[in-house]
Amino acid sequence: MRKYEIMYIIRPDIEQEAVQATVEKFQNIINNGGEITKHDVMGKRRLAYEINKHRDGHYVLVKFNANNTVLTELDRVMKISDEIIRFLITQDVA
């Protein structure tokens, strides 16, 4: 298993319960074949530039160990999820 890091931004116009449900959904995907080493919900912050007519977003940073199948499933679900504005998965070298 390799070390990865993902940061994703959740839409600002959804309720706090929906934000928590979205975070738990992605945690379950990662835990199904991987393990989370660090999870940080950074809260609502202003975006550097407007994305899809949104000026703010809920930032979430997750560091985890996983294999390629977990990574492809996480990428697929992030792309089709309406709650996610933007996401980036990188391989953690440290």
PDB file of N, CA and C in Angstrom:
ATOM      1  N   MET A   1       0.834  -1.183   0.000  1.00  0.00           N
ATOM      2  CA  MET A   1       0.000   0.000   0.000  1.00  0.00           C
ATOM      3  C   MET A   1       0.882   1.251   0.000  1.00  0.00           C
ATOM      4  N   ARG A   2       0.449   2.240  -0.729  1.00  0.00           N
ATOM      5  CA  ARG A   2       1.182   3.491  -0.828  1.00  0.00           C
ATOM      6  C   ARG A   2       0.495   4.579  -0.018  1.00  0.00           C
ATOM      7  N   LYS A   3       1.252   5.634   0.261  1.00  0.00           N
ATOM      8  CA  LYS A   3       0.713   6.772   0.998  1.00  0.00           C
ATOM      9  C   LYS A   3       0.157   7.796   0.018  1.00  0.00           C
ATOM     10  N   TYR A   4      -1.048   8.261   0.296  1.00  0.00           N
ATOM     11  CA  TYR A   4      -1.694   9.261  -0.543  1.00  0.00           C
ATOM     12  C   TYR A   4      -2.246  10.384   0.322  1.00  0.00           C
ATOM     13  N   GLU A   5      -2.521  11.487  -0.345  1.00  0.00           N
ATOM     14  CA  GLU A   5      -3.121  12.642   0.307  1.00  0.00           C
ATOM     15  C   GLU A   5      -4.198  13.179  -0.626  1.00  0.00           C
ATOM     16  N   ILE A   6      -5.356  13.482  -0.072  1.00  0.00           N
ATOM     17  CA  ILE A   6      -6.435  14.049  -0.875  1.00  0.00           C
ATOM     18  C   ILE A   6      -6.969  15.293  -0.180  1.00  0.00           C
ATOM     19  N   MET A   7      -7.176  16.327  -0.958  1.00  0.00           N
ATOM     20  CA  MET A   7      -7.875  17.509  -0.470  1.00  0.00           C
ATOM     21  C   MET A   7      -9.081  17.695  -1.364  1.00  0.00           C
ATOM     22  N   TYR A   8     -10.237  17.865  -0.730  1.00  0.00           N
ATOM     23  CA  TYR A   8     -11.436  18.128  -1.510  1.00  0.00           C
ATOM     24  C   TYR A   8     -12.220  19.264  -0.878  1.00  0.00           C
ATOM     25  N   ILE A   9     -13.001  19.938  -1.731  1.00  0.00           N
ATOM     26  CA  ILE A   9     -13.777  21.098  -1.317  1.00  0.00           C
ATOM     27  C   ILE A   9     -15.248  20.773  -1.528  1.00  0.00           C
ATOM     28  N   ILE A  10     -16.025  20.897  -0.461  1.00  0.00           N
ATOM     29  CA  ILE A  10     -17.456  20.615  -0.496  1.00  0.00           C
ATOM     30  C   ILE A  10     -18.205  21.927  -0.691  1.00  0.00           C
ATOM     31  N   ARG A  11     -19.293  21.892  -1.449  1.00  0.00           N
ATOM     32  CA  ARG A  11     -20.103  23.082  -1.724  1.00  0.00           C
ATOM     33  C   ARG A  11     -20.494  23.796  -0.429  1.00  0.00           C
ATOM     34  N   PRO A  12     -20.540  25.127  -0.434  1.00  0.00           N
ATOM     35  CA  PRO A  12     -20.871  25.863   0.792  1.00  0.00           C
ATOM     36  C   PRO A  12     -22.366  25.943   1.090  1.00  0.00           C
ATOM     37  N   ASP A  13     -23.211  25.638   0.124  1.00  0.00           N
ATOM     38  CA  ASP A  13     -24.645  25.850   0.299  1.00  0.00           C
ATOM     39  C   ASP A  13     -25.397  24.636   0.836  1.00  0.00           C
ATOM     40  N   ILE A  14     -24.677  23.615   1.306  1.00  0.00           N
ATOM     41  CA  ILE A  14     -25.359  22.465   1.901  1.00  0.00           C
ATOM     42  C   ILE A  14     -25.244  22.542   3.422  1.00  0.00           C
ATOM     43  N   GLU A  15     -26.163  21.867   4.112  1.00  0.00           N
ATOM     44  CA  GLU A  15     -26.222  21.906   5.572  1.00  0.00           C
ATOM     45  C   GLU A  15     -25.030  21.181   6.195  1.00  0.00           C
ATOM     46  N   GLN A  16     -24.783  21.473   7.478  1.00  0.00           N
ATOM     47  CA  GLN A  16     -23.652  20.874   8.190  1.00  0.00           C
ATOM     48  C   GLN A  16     -23.806  19.355   8.293  1.00  0.00           C
ATOM     49  N   GLU A  17     -25.035  18.872   8.445  1.00  0.00           N
ATOM     50  CA  GLU A  17     -25.265  17.420   8.512  1.00  0.00           C
ATOM     51  C   GLU A  17     -24.905  16.755   7.188  1.00  0.00           C
ATOM     52  N   ALA A  18     -25.188  17.423   6.077  1.00  0.00           N
ATOM     53  CA  ALA A  18     -24.845  16.882   4.764  1.00  0.00           C
ATOM     54  C   ALA A  18     -23.336  16.896   4.548  1.00  0.00           C
ATOM     55  N   VAL A  19     -22.661  17.907   5.080  1.00  0.00           N
ATOM     56  CA  VAL A  19     -21.198  17.950   5.007  1.00  0.00           C
ATOM     57  C   VAL A  19     -20.612  16.764   5.765  1.00  0.00           C
ATOM     58  N   GLN A  20     -21.133  16.516   6.971  1.00  0.00           N
ATOM     59  CA  GLN A  20     -20.648  15.394   7.774  1.00  0.00           C
ATOM     60  C   GLN A  20     -20.940  14.062   7.090  1.00  0.00           C
ATOM     61  N   ALA A  21     -22.099  13.935   6.468  1.00  0.00           N
ATOM     62  CA  ALA A  21     -22.440  12.697   5.752  1.00  0.00           C
ATOM     63  C   ALA A  21     -21.521  12.479   4.557  1.00  0.00           C
ATOM     64  N   THR A  22     -21.173  13.557   3.861  1.00  0.00           N
ATOM     65  CA  THR A  22     -20.264  13.454   2.722  1.00  0.00           C
ATOM     66  C   THR A  22     -18.873  13.023   3.175  1.00  0.00           C
ATOM     67  N   VAL A  23     -18.394  13.607   4.264  1.00  0.00           N
ATOM     68  CA  VAL A  23     -17.082  13.250   4.802  1.00  0.00           C
ATOM     69  C   VAL A  23     -17.071  11.773   5.216  1.00  0.00           C
ATOM     70  N   GLU A  24     -18.125  11.318   5.877  1.00  0.00           N
ATOM     71  CA  GLU A  24     -18.200   9.918   6.299  1.00  0.00           C
ATOM     72  C   GLU A  24     -18.274   8.967   5.108  1.00  0.00           C
ATOM     73  N   LYS A  25     -18.950   9.386   4.036  1.00  0.00           N
ATOM     74  CA  LYS A  25     -19.049   8.552   2.836  1.00  0.00           C
ATOM     75  C   LYS A  25     -17.660   8.298   2.256  1.00  0.00           C
ATOM     76  N   PHE A  26     -16.838   9.345   2.175  1.00  0.00           N
ATOM     77  CA  PHE A  26     -15.502   9.169   1.613  1.00  0.00           C
ATOM     78  C   PHE A  26     -14.570   8.455   2.586  1.00  0.00           C
ATOM     79  N   GLN A  27     -14.785   8.613   3.891  1.00  0.00           N
ATOM     80  CA  GLN A  27     -14.009   7.852   4.864  1.00  0.00           C
ATOM     81  C   GLN A  27     -14.285   6.353   4.717  1.00  0.00           C
ATOM     82  N   ASN A  28     -15.541   5.994   4.502  1.00  0.00           N
ATOM     83  CA  ASN A  28     -15.895   4.586   4.338  1.00  0.00           C
ATOM     84  C   ASN A  28     -15.280   3.993   3.082  1.00  0.00           C
ATOM     85  N   ILE A  29     -15.213   4.776   2.016  1.00  0.00           N
ATOM     86  CA  ILE A  29     -14.584   4.283   0.784  1.00  0.00           C
ATOM     87  C   ILE A  29     -13.096   4.012   1.024  1.00  0.00           C
ATOM     88  N   ILE A  30     -12.430   4.927   1.721  1.00  0.00           N
ATOM     89  CA  ILE A  30     -11.003   4.745   1.994  1.00  0.00           C
ATOM     90  C   ILE A  30     -10.779   3.570   2.937  1.00  0.00           C
ATOM     91  N   ASN A  31     -11.600   3.441   3.979  1.00  0.00           N
ATOM     92  CA  ASN A  31     -11.427   2.364   4.956  1.00  0.00           C
ATOM     93  C   ASN A  31     -11.754   0.995   4.381  1.00  0.00           C
ATOM     94  N   ASN A  32     -12.409   0.937   3.237  1.00  0.00           N
ATOM     95  CA  ASN A  32     -12.708  -0.328   2.583  1.00  0.00           C
ATOM     96  C   ASN A  32     -11.512  -0.741   1.729  1.00  0.00           C
ATOM     97  N   GLY A  33     -10.428  -1.136   2.372  1.00  0.00           N
ATOM     98  CA  GLY A  33      -9.222  -1.560   1.664  1.00  0.00           C
ATOM     99  C   GLY A  33      -8.026  -0.680   1.931  1.00  0.00           C
ATOM    100  N   GLY A  34      -8.188   0.333   2.747  1.00  0.00           N
ATOM    101  CA  GLY A  34      -7.083   1.225   3.092  1.00  0.00           C
ATOM    102  C   GLY A  34      -7.209   1.668   4.539  1.00  0.00           C
ATOM    103  N   GLU A  35      -6.346   2.573   4.952  1.00  0.00           N
ATOM    104  CA  GLU A  35      -6.423   3.085   6.317  1.00  0.00           C
ATOM    105  C   GLU A  35      -6.100   4.571   6.326  1.00  0.00           C
ATOM    106  N   ILE A  36      -6.858   5.319   7.102  1.00  0.00           N
ATOM    107  CA  ILE A  36      -6.662   6.766   7.220  1.00  0.00           C
ATOM    108  C   ILE A  36      -5.637   7.028   8.320  1.00  0.00           C
ATOM    109  N   THR A  37      -4.608   7.810   7.985  1.00  0.00           N
ATOM    110  CA  THR A  37      -3.597   8.157   8.980  1.00  0.00           C
ATOM    111  C   THR A  37      -3.831   9.534   9.587  1.00  0.00           C
ATOM    112  N   LYS A  38      -4.421  10.454   8.820  1.00  0.00           N
ATOM    113  CA  LYS A  38      -4.732  11.788   9.332  1.00  0.00           C
ATOM    114  C   LYS A  38      -5.964  12.303   8.608  1.00  0.00           C
ATOM    115  N   HIS A  39      -6.872  12.897   9.378  1.00  0.00           N
ATOM    116  CA  HIS A  39      -8.105  13.434   8.812  1.00  0.00           C
ATOM    117  C   HIS A  39      -8.335  14.806   9.412  1.00  0.00           C
ATOM    118  N   ASP A  40      -8.481  15.819   8.571  1.00  0.00           N
ATOM    119  CA  ASP A  40      -8.619  17.183   9.056  1.00  0.00           C
ATOM    120  C   ASP A  40      -9.714  17.901   8.270  1.00  0.00           C
ATOM    121  N   VAL A  41     -10.826  18.212   8.953  1.00  0.00           N
ATOM    122  CA  VAL A  41     -11.868  19.031   8.359  1.00  0.00           C
ATOM    123  C   VAL A  41     -11.511  20.474   8.695  1.00  0.00           C
ATOM    124  N   MET A  42     -11.089  21.213   7.691  1.00  0.00           N
ATOM    125  CA  MET A  42     -10.555  22.557   7.912  1.00  0.00           C
ATOM    126  C   MET A  42     -11.642  23.621   8.024  1.00  0.00           C
ATOM    127  N   GLY A  43     -12.862  23.262   7.703  1.00  0.00           N
ATOM    128  CA  GLY A  43     -13.975  24.193   7.842  1.00  0.00           C
ATOM    129  C   GLY A  43     -14.209  25.005   6.580  1.00  0.00           C
ATOM    130  N   LYS A  44     -15.088  25.983   6.722  1.00  0.00           N
ATOM    131  CA  LYS A  44     -15.475  26.812   5.583  1.00  0.00           C
ATOM    132  C   LYS A  44     -14.452  27.920   5.388  1.00  0.00           C
ATOM    133  N   ARG A  45     -13.932  28.008   4.163  1.00  0.00           N
ATOM    134  CA  ARG A  45     -12.930  29.011   3.815  1.00  0.00           C
ATOM    135  C   ARG A  45     -13.262  29.635   2.473  1.00  0.00           C
ATOM    136  N   ARG A  46     -12.700  30.782   2.240  1.00  0.00           N
ATOM    137  CA  ARG A  46     -12.898  31.487   0.981  1.00  0.00           C
ATOM    138  C   ARG A  46     -11.977  30.890  -0.080  1.00  0.00           C
ATOM    139  N   LEU A  47     -12.516  30.696  -1.274  1.00  0.00           N
ATOM    140  CA  LEU A  47     -11.733  30.168  -2.385  1.00  0.00           C
ATOM    141  C   LEU A  47     -10.837  31.266  -2.966  1.00  0.00           C
ATOM    142  N   ALA A  48      -9.754  30.885  -3.576  1.00  0.00           N
ATOM    143  CA  ALA A  48      -8.853  31.858  -4.203  1.00  0.00           C
ATOM    144  C   ALA A  48      -9.509  32.485  -5.428  1.00  0.00           C
ATOM    145  N   TYR A  49     -10.349  31.725  -6.110  1.00  0.00           N
ATOM    146  CA  TYR A  49     -11.102  32.218  -7.261  1.00  0.00           C
ATOM    147  C   TYR A  49     -12.430  31.478  -7.312  1.00  0.00           C
ATOM    148  N   GLU A  50     -13.372  32.029  -8.026  1.00  0.00           N
ATOM    149  CA  GLU A  50     -14.713  31.469  -8.098  1.00  0.00           C
ATOM    150  C   GLU A  50     -14.713  30.173  -8.902  1.00  0.00           C
ATOM    151  N   ILE A  51     -15.369  29.138  -8.353  1.00  0.00           N
ATOM    152  CA  ILE A  51     -15.510  27.852  -9.023  1.00  0.00           C
ATOM    153  C   ILE A  51     -16.996  27.533  -9.081  1.00  0.00           C
ATOM    154  N   ASN A  52     -17.533  27.391 -10.275  1.00  0.00           N
ATOM    155  CA  ASN A  52     -18.954  27.067 -10.474  1.00  0.00           C
ATOM    156  C   ASN A  52     -19.870  28.008  -9.694  1.00  0.00           C
ATOM    157  N   LYS A  53     -19.552  29.283  -9.726  1.00  0.00           N
ATOM    158  CA  LYS A  53     -20.310  30.343  -9.059  1.00  0.00           C
ATOM    159  C   LYS A  53     -20.308  30.232  -7.538  1.00  0.00           C
ATOM    160  N   HIS A  54     -19.310  29.548  -6.969  1.00  0.00           N
ATOM    161  CA  HIS A  54     -19.149  29.454  -5.516  1.00  0.00           C
ATOM    162  C   HIS A  54     -17.907  30.239  -5.114  1.00  0.00           C
ATOM    163  N   ARG A  55     -18.024  31.033  -4.054  1.00  0.00           N
ATOM    164  CA  ARG A  55     -16.897  31.818  -3.550  1.00  0.00           C
ATOM    165  C   ARG A  55     -16.283  31.203  -2.295  1.00  0.00           C
ATOM    166  N   ASP A  56     -17.012  30.293  -1.611  1.00  0.00           N
ATOM    167  CA  ASP A  56     -16.547  29.635  -0.392  1.00  0.00           C
ATOM    168  C   ASP A  56     -16.655  28.125  -0.565  1.00  0.00           C
ATOM    169  N   GLY A  57     -16.074  27.398   0.396  1.00  0.00           N
ATOM    170  CA  GLY A  57     -16.191  25.946   0.376  1.00  0.00           C
ATOM    171  C   GLY A  57     -15.695  25.349   1.673  1.00  0.00           C
ATOM    172  N   HIS A  58     -16.149  24.144   1.984  1.00  0.00           N
ATOM    173  CA  HIS A  58     -15.699  23.399   3.158  1.00  0.00           C
ATOM    174  C   HIS A  58     -14.499  22.550   2.734  1.00  0.00           C
ATOM    175  N   TYR A  59     -13.330  22.848   3.288  1.00  0.00           N
ATOM    176  CA  TYR A  59     -12.107  22.140   2.930  1.00  0.00           C
ATOM    177  C   TYR A  59     -11.911  20.925   3.825  1.00  0.00           C
ATOM    178  N   VAL A  60     -11.484  19.804   3.213  1.00  0.00           N
ATOM    179  CA  VAL A  60     -11.190  18.578   3.950  1.00  0.00           C
ATOM    180  C   VAL A  60      -9.873  18.013   3.421  1.00  0.00           C
ATOM    181  N   LEU A  61      -8.957  17.681   4.347  1.00  0.00           N
ATOM    182  CA  LEU A  61      -7.662  17.098   3.998  1.00  0.00           C
ATOM    183  C   LEU A  61      -7.570  15.729   4.653  1.00  0.00           C
ATOM    184  N   VAL A  62      -7.228  14.703   3.846  1.00  0.00           N
ATOM    185  CA  VAL A  62      -7.117  13.334   4.354  1.00  0.00           C
ATOM    186  C   VAL A  62      -5.805  12.747   3.864  1.00  0.00           C
ATOM    187  N   LYS A  63      -5.033  12.180   4.798  1.00  0.00           N
ATOM    188  CA  LYS A  63      -3.844  11.401   4.444  1.00  0.00           C
ATOM    189  C   LYS A  63      -4.173   9.946   4.738  1.00  0.00           C
ATOM    190  N   PHE A  64      -3.835   9.061   3.798  1.00  0.00           N
ATOM    191  CA  PHE A  64      -4.220   7.666   3.948  1.00  0.00           C
ATOM    192  C   PHE A  64      -3.265   6.752   3.210  1.00  0.00           C
ATOM    193  N   ASN A  65      -3.302   5.474   3.582  1.00  0.00           N
ATOM    194  CA  ASN A  65      -2.562   4.412   2.906  1.00  0.00           C
ATOM    195  C   ASN A  65      -3.585   3.546   2.188  1.00  0.00           C
ATOM    196  N   ALA A  66      -3.350   3.273   0.921  1.00  0.00           N
ATOM    197  CA  ALA A  66      -4.308   2.469   0.160  1.00  0.00           C
ATOM    198  C   ALA A  66      -3.637   1.859  -1.058  1.00  0.00           C
ATOM    199  N   ASN A  67      -4.336   0.901  -1.658  1.00  0.00           N
ATOM    200  CA  ASN A  67      -3.860   0.321  -2.906  1.00  0.00           C
ATOM    201  C   ASN A  67      -4.586   0.982  -4.071  1.00  0.00           C
ATOM    202  N   ASN A  68      -4.288   0.544  -5.269  1.00  0.00           N
ATOM    203  CA  ASN A  68      -4.787   1.188  -6.471  1.00  0.00           C
ATOM    204  C   ASN A  68      -6.301   1.043  -6.644  1.00  0.00           C
ATOM    205  N   THR A  69      -6.886  -0.052  -6.191  1.00  0.00           N
ATOM    206  CA  THR A  69      -8.327  -0.235  -6.360  1.00  0.00           C
ATOM    207  C   THR A  69      -9.125   0.763  -5.532  1.00  0.00           C
ATOM    208  N   VAL A  70      -8.666   1.044  -4.320  1.00  0.00           N
ATOM    209  CA  VAL A  70      -9.324   2.047  -3.476  1.00  0.00           C
ATOM    210  C   VAL A  70      -9.197   3.421  -4.119  1.00  0.00           C
ATOM    211  N   LEU A  71      -8.047   3.695  -4.673  1.00  0.00           N
ATOM    212  CA  LEU A  71      -7.796   4.995  -5.295  1.00  0.00           C
ATOM    213  C   LEU A  71      -8.690   5.220  -6.514  1.00  0.00           C
ATOM    214  N   THR A  72      -8.846   4.209  -7.353  1.00  0.00           N
ATOM    215  CA  THR A  72      -9.696   4.369  -8.533  1.00  0.00           C
ATOM    216  C   THR A  72     -11.164   4.517  -8.153  1.00  0.00           C
ATOM    217  N   GLU A  73     -11.605   3.793  -7.129  1.00  0.00           N
ATOM    218  CA  GLU A  73     -12.994   3.915  -6.667  1.00  0.00           C
ATOM    219  C   GLU A  73     -13.241   5.292  -6.055  1.00  0.00           C
ATOM    220  N   LEU A  74     -12.300   5.791  -5.272  1.00  0.00           N
ATOM    221  CA  LEU A  74     -12.424   7.122  -4.670  1.00  0.00           C
ATOM    222  C   LEU A  74     -12.463   8.191  -5.749  1.00  0.00           C
ATOM    223  N   ASP A  75     -11.631   8.069  -6.749  1.00  0.00           N
ATOM    224  CA  ASP A  75     -11.607   9.024  -7.858  1.00  0.00           C
ATOM    225  C   ASP A  75     -12.932   8.998  -8.627  1.00  0.00           C
ATOM    226  N   ARG A  76     -13.462   7.821  -8.866  1.00  0.00           N
ATOM    227  CA  ARG A  76     -14.724   7.680  -9.593  1.00  0.00           C
ATOM    228  C   ARG A  76     -15.881   8.317  -8.826  1.00  0.00           C
ATOM    229  N   VAL A  77     -15.965   8.050  -7.532  1.00  0.00           N
ATOM    230  CA  VAL A  77     -17.069   8.578  -6.727  1.00  0.00           C
ATOM    231  C   VAL A  77     -16.955  10.091  -6.565  1.00  0.00           C
ATOM    232  N   MET A  78     -15.728  10.599  -6.436  1.00  0.00           N
ATOM    233  CA  MET A  78     -15.534  12.052  -6.323  1.00  0.00           C
ATOM    234  C   MET A  78     -15.988  12.766  -7.592  1.00  0.00           C
ATOM    235  N   LYS A  79     -15.722  12.174  -8.741  1.00  0.00           N
ATOM    236  CA  LYS A  79     -16.095  12.805 -10.005  1.00  0.00           C
ATOM    237  C   LYS A  79     -17.602  12.891 -10.193  1.00  0.00           C
ATOM    238  N   ILE A  80     -18.357  11.915  -9.707  1.00  0.00           N
ATOM    239  CA  ILE A  80     -19.794  11.927  -9.927  1.00  0.00           C
ATOM    240  C   ILE A  80     -20.572  12.526  -8.765  1.00  0.00           C
ATOM    241  N   SER A  81     -19.896  12.881  -7.691  1.00  0.00           N
ATOM    242  CA  SER A  81     -20.568  13.445  -6.523  1.00  0.00           C
ATOM    243  C   SER A  81     -20.900  14.920  -6.758  1.00  0.00           C
ATOM    244  N   ASP A  82     -22.140  15.291  -6.494  1.00  0.00           N
ATOM    245  CA  ASP A  82     -22.575  16.675  -6.684  1.00  0.00           C
ATOM    246  C   ASP A  82     -22.104  17.594  -5.563  1.00  0.00           C
ATOM    247  N   GLU A  83     -21.766  17.042  -4.405  1.00  0.00           N
ATOM    248  CA  GLU A  83     -21.357  17.866  -3.273  1.00  0.00           C
ATOM    249  C   GLU A  83     -19.938  18.413  -3.419  1.00  0.00           C
ATOM    250  N   ILE A  84     -19.127  17.787  -4.254  1.00  0.00           N
ATOM    251  CA  ILE A  84     -17.719  18.147  -4.375  1.00  0.00           C
ATOM    252  C   ILE A  84     -17.538  19.184  -5.471  1.00  0.00           C
ATOM    253  N   ILE A  85     -16.883  20.307  -5.112  1.00  0.00           N
ATOM    254  CA  ILE A  85     -16.556  21.345  -6.099  1.00  0.00           C
ATOM    255  C   ILE A  85     -15.280  20.960  -6.836  1.00  0.00           C
ATOM    256  N   ARG A  86     -14.249  20.617  -6.067  1.00  0.00           N
ATOM    257  CA  ARG A  86     -12.936  20.318  -6.638  1.00  0.00           C
ATOM    258  C   ARG A  86     -12.217  19.343  -5.713  1.00  0.00           C
ATOM    259  N   PHE A  87     -11.365  18.470  -6.269  1.00  0.00           N
ATOM    260  CA  PHE A  87     -10.555  17.565  -5.447  1.00  0.00           C
ATOM    261  C   PHE A  87      -9.231  17.302  -6.137  1.00  0.00           C
ATOM    262  N   LEU A  88      -8.253  16.891  -5.334  1.00  0.00           N
ATOM    263  CA  LEU A  88      -6.939  16.545  -5.856  1.00  0.00           C
ATOM    264  C   LEU A  88      -6.352  15.425  -5.005  1.00  0.00           C
ATOM    265  N   ILE A  89      -5.941  14.342  -5.674  1.00  0.00           N
ATOM    266  CA  ILE A  89      -5.294  13.215  -5.001  1.00  0.00           C
ATOM    267  C   ILE A  89      -3.830  13.208  -5.420  1.00  0.00           C
ATOM    268  N   THR A  90      -2.933  13.212  -4.441  1.00  0.00           N
ATOM    269  CA  THR A  90      -1.503  13.165  -4.725  1.00  0.00           C
ATOM    270  C   THR A  90      -0.871  12.032  -3.920  1.00  0.00           C
ATOM    271  N   GLN A  91       0.252  11.534  -4.422  1.00  0.00           N
ATOM    272  CA  GLN A  91       1.009  10.546  -3.700  1.00  0.00           C
ATOM    273  C   GLN A  91       1.887  11.272  -2.701  1.00  0.00           C
ATOM    274  N   ASP A  92       1.796  10.866  -1.436  1.00  0.00           N
ATOM    275  CA  ASP A  92       2.548  11.515  -0.353  1.00  0.00           C
ATOM    276  C   ASP A  92       3.954  10.925  -0.321  1.00  0.00           C
ATOM    277  N   VAL A  93       4.954  11.757  -0.459  1.00  0.00           N
ATOM    278  CA  VAL A  93       6.328  11.273  -0.505  1.00  0.00           C
ATOM    279  C   VAL A  93       6.984  11.258   0.865  1.00  0.00           C
ATOM    280  N   ALA A  94       6.423  11.958   1.819  1.00  0.00           N
ATOM    281  CA  ALA A  94       7.031  12.030   3.157  1.00  0.00           C
ATOM    282  C   ALA A  94       6.492  10.971   4.078  1.00  0.00           C
TER     283      ALA A  94
END
